[in-house]
Amino acid sequence: MHNGVPFDVAFSLDDTMRQAMAIKCSEFHGAEFDLRTMSFKERE
């Protein structure tokens, strides 16, 4: 389990939902995602 999401749930998601959850979980750890460029912003 990582970020409170059980592996069986994570691997049962379709590609779009899995990517959305991965982005959101990364944001919980301080990352910032730019939807316009579809990439993470560099940390300063």
C-alpha atoms as a PDB file:
ATOM      1  CA  MET A   1       0.000   0.000   0.000  1.00  0.00           C
ATOM      2  CA  HIS A   2       1.335   3.425  -0.931  1.00  0.00           C
ATOM      3  CA  ASN A   3      -0.358   6.750  -0.161  1.00  0.00           C
ATOM      4  CA  GLY A   4      -3.234   4.800   1.362  1.00  0.00           C
ATOM      5  CA  VAL A   5      -4.172   3.100  -1.924  1.00  0.00           C
ATOM      6  CA  PRO A   6      -4.122  -0.713  -1.843  1.00  0.00           C
ATOM      7  CA  PHE A   7      -2.218  -2.291  -4.726  1.00  0.00           C
ATOM      8  CA  ASP A   8      -5.225  -4.298  -5.912  1.00  0.00           C
ATOM      9  CA  VAL A   9      -7.199  -1.068  -6.298  1.00  0.00           C
ATOM     10  CA  ALA A  10      -4.344   0.764  -8.024  1.00  0.00           C
ATOM     11  CA  PHE A  11      -3.798  -2.017 -10.557  1.00  0.00           C
ATOM     12  CA  SER A  12      -7.500  -2.383 -11.311  1.00  0.00           C
ATOM     13  CA  LEU A  13      -7.818   1.223 -12.560  1.00  0.00           C
ATOM     14  CA  ASP A  14      -7.831   2.178 -16.218  1.00  0.00           C
ATOM     15  CA  ASP A  15      -4.849   4.160 -17.535  1.00  0.00           C
ATOM     16  CA  THR A  16      -6.509   7.580 -17.263  1.00  0.00           C
ATOM     17  CA  MET A  17      -7.670   7.143 -13.676  1.00  0.00           C
ATOM     18  CA  ARG A  18      -4.322   5.626 -12.649  1.00  0.00           C
ATOM     19  CA  GLN A  19      -2.480   8.638 -14.096  1.00  0.00           C
ATOM     20  CA  ALA A  20      -4.863  11.061 -12.347  1.00  0.00           C
ATOM     21  CA  MET A  21      -4.353   9.345  -9.003  1.00  0.00           C
ATOM     22  CA  ALA A  22      -0.568   9.247  -9.481  1.00  0.00           C
ATOM     23  CA  ILE A  23      -0.529  12.985 -10.168  1.00  0.00           C
ATOM     24  CA  LYS A  24      -2.710  13.732  -7.147  1.00  0.00           C
ATOM     25  CA  CYS A  25      -0.613  11.539  -4.844  1.00  0.00           C
ATOM     26  CA  SER A  26       2.531  13.284  -6.110  1.00  0.00           C
ATOM     27  CA  GLU A  27       0.940  16.633  -5.309  1.00  0.00           C
ATOM     28  CA  PHE A  28       0.329  15.411  -1.756  1.00  0.00           C
ATOM     29  CA  HIS A  29       4.123  15.121  -1.487  1.00  0.00           C
ATOM     30  CA  GLY A  30       4.746  18.653  -2.744  1.00  0.00           C
ATOM     31  CA  ALA A  31       5.036  18.198  -6.500  1.00  0.00           C
ATOM     32  CA  GLU A  32       3.261  20.648  -8.789  1.00  0.00           C
ATOM     33  CA  PHE A  33       1.700  19.403 -12.038  1.00  0.00           C
ATOM     34  CA  ASP A  34       1.088  21.730 -14.986  1.00  0.00           C
ATOM     35  CA  LEU A  35      -1.988  20.600 -16.919  1.00  0.00           C
ATOM     36  CA  ARG A  36      -1.144  22.854 -19.871  1.00  0.00           C
ATOM     37  CA  THR A  37       2.181  21.098 -20.511  1.00  0.00           C
ATOM     38  CA  MET A  38       1.163  17.776 -18.925  1.00  0.00           C
ATOM     39  CA  SER A  39       4.372  17.669 -16.919  1.00  0.00           C
ATOM     40  CA  PHE A  40       5.619  18.274 -13.419  1.00  0.00           C
ATOM     41  CA  LYS A  41       7.173  21.655 -12.707  1.00  0.00           C
ATOM     42  CA  GLU A  42      10.798  21.710 -11.628  1.00  0.00           C
ATOM     43  CA  ARG A  43      11.338  22.234  -7.912  1.00  0.00           C
ATOM     44  CA  GLU A  44      13.346  25.292  -7.001  1.00  0.00           C
END
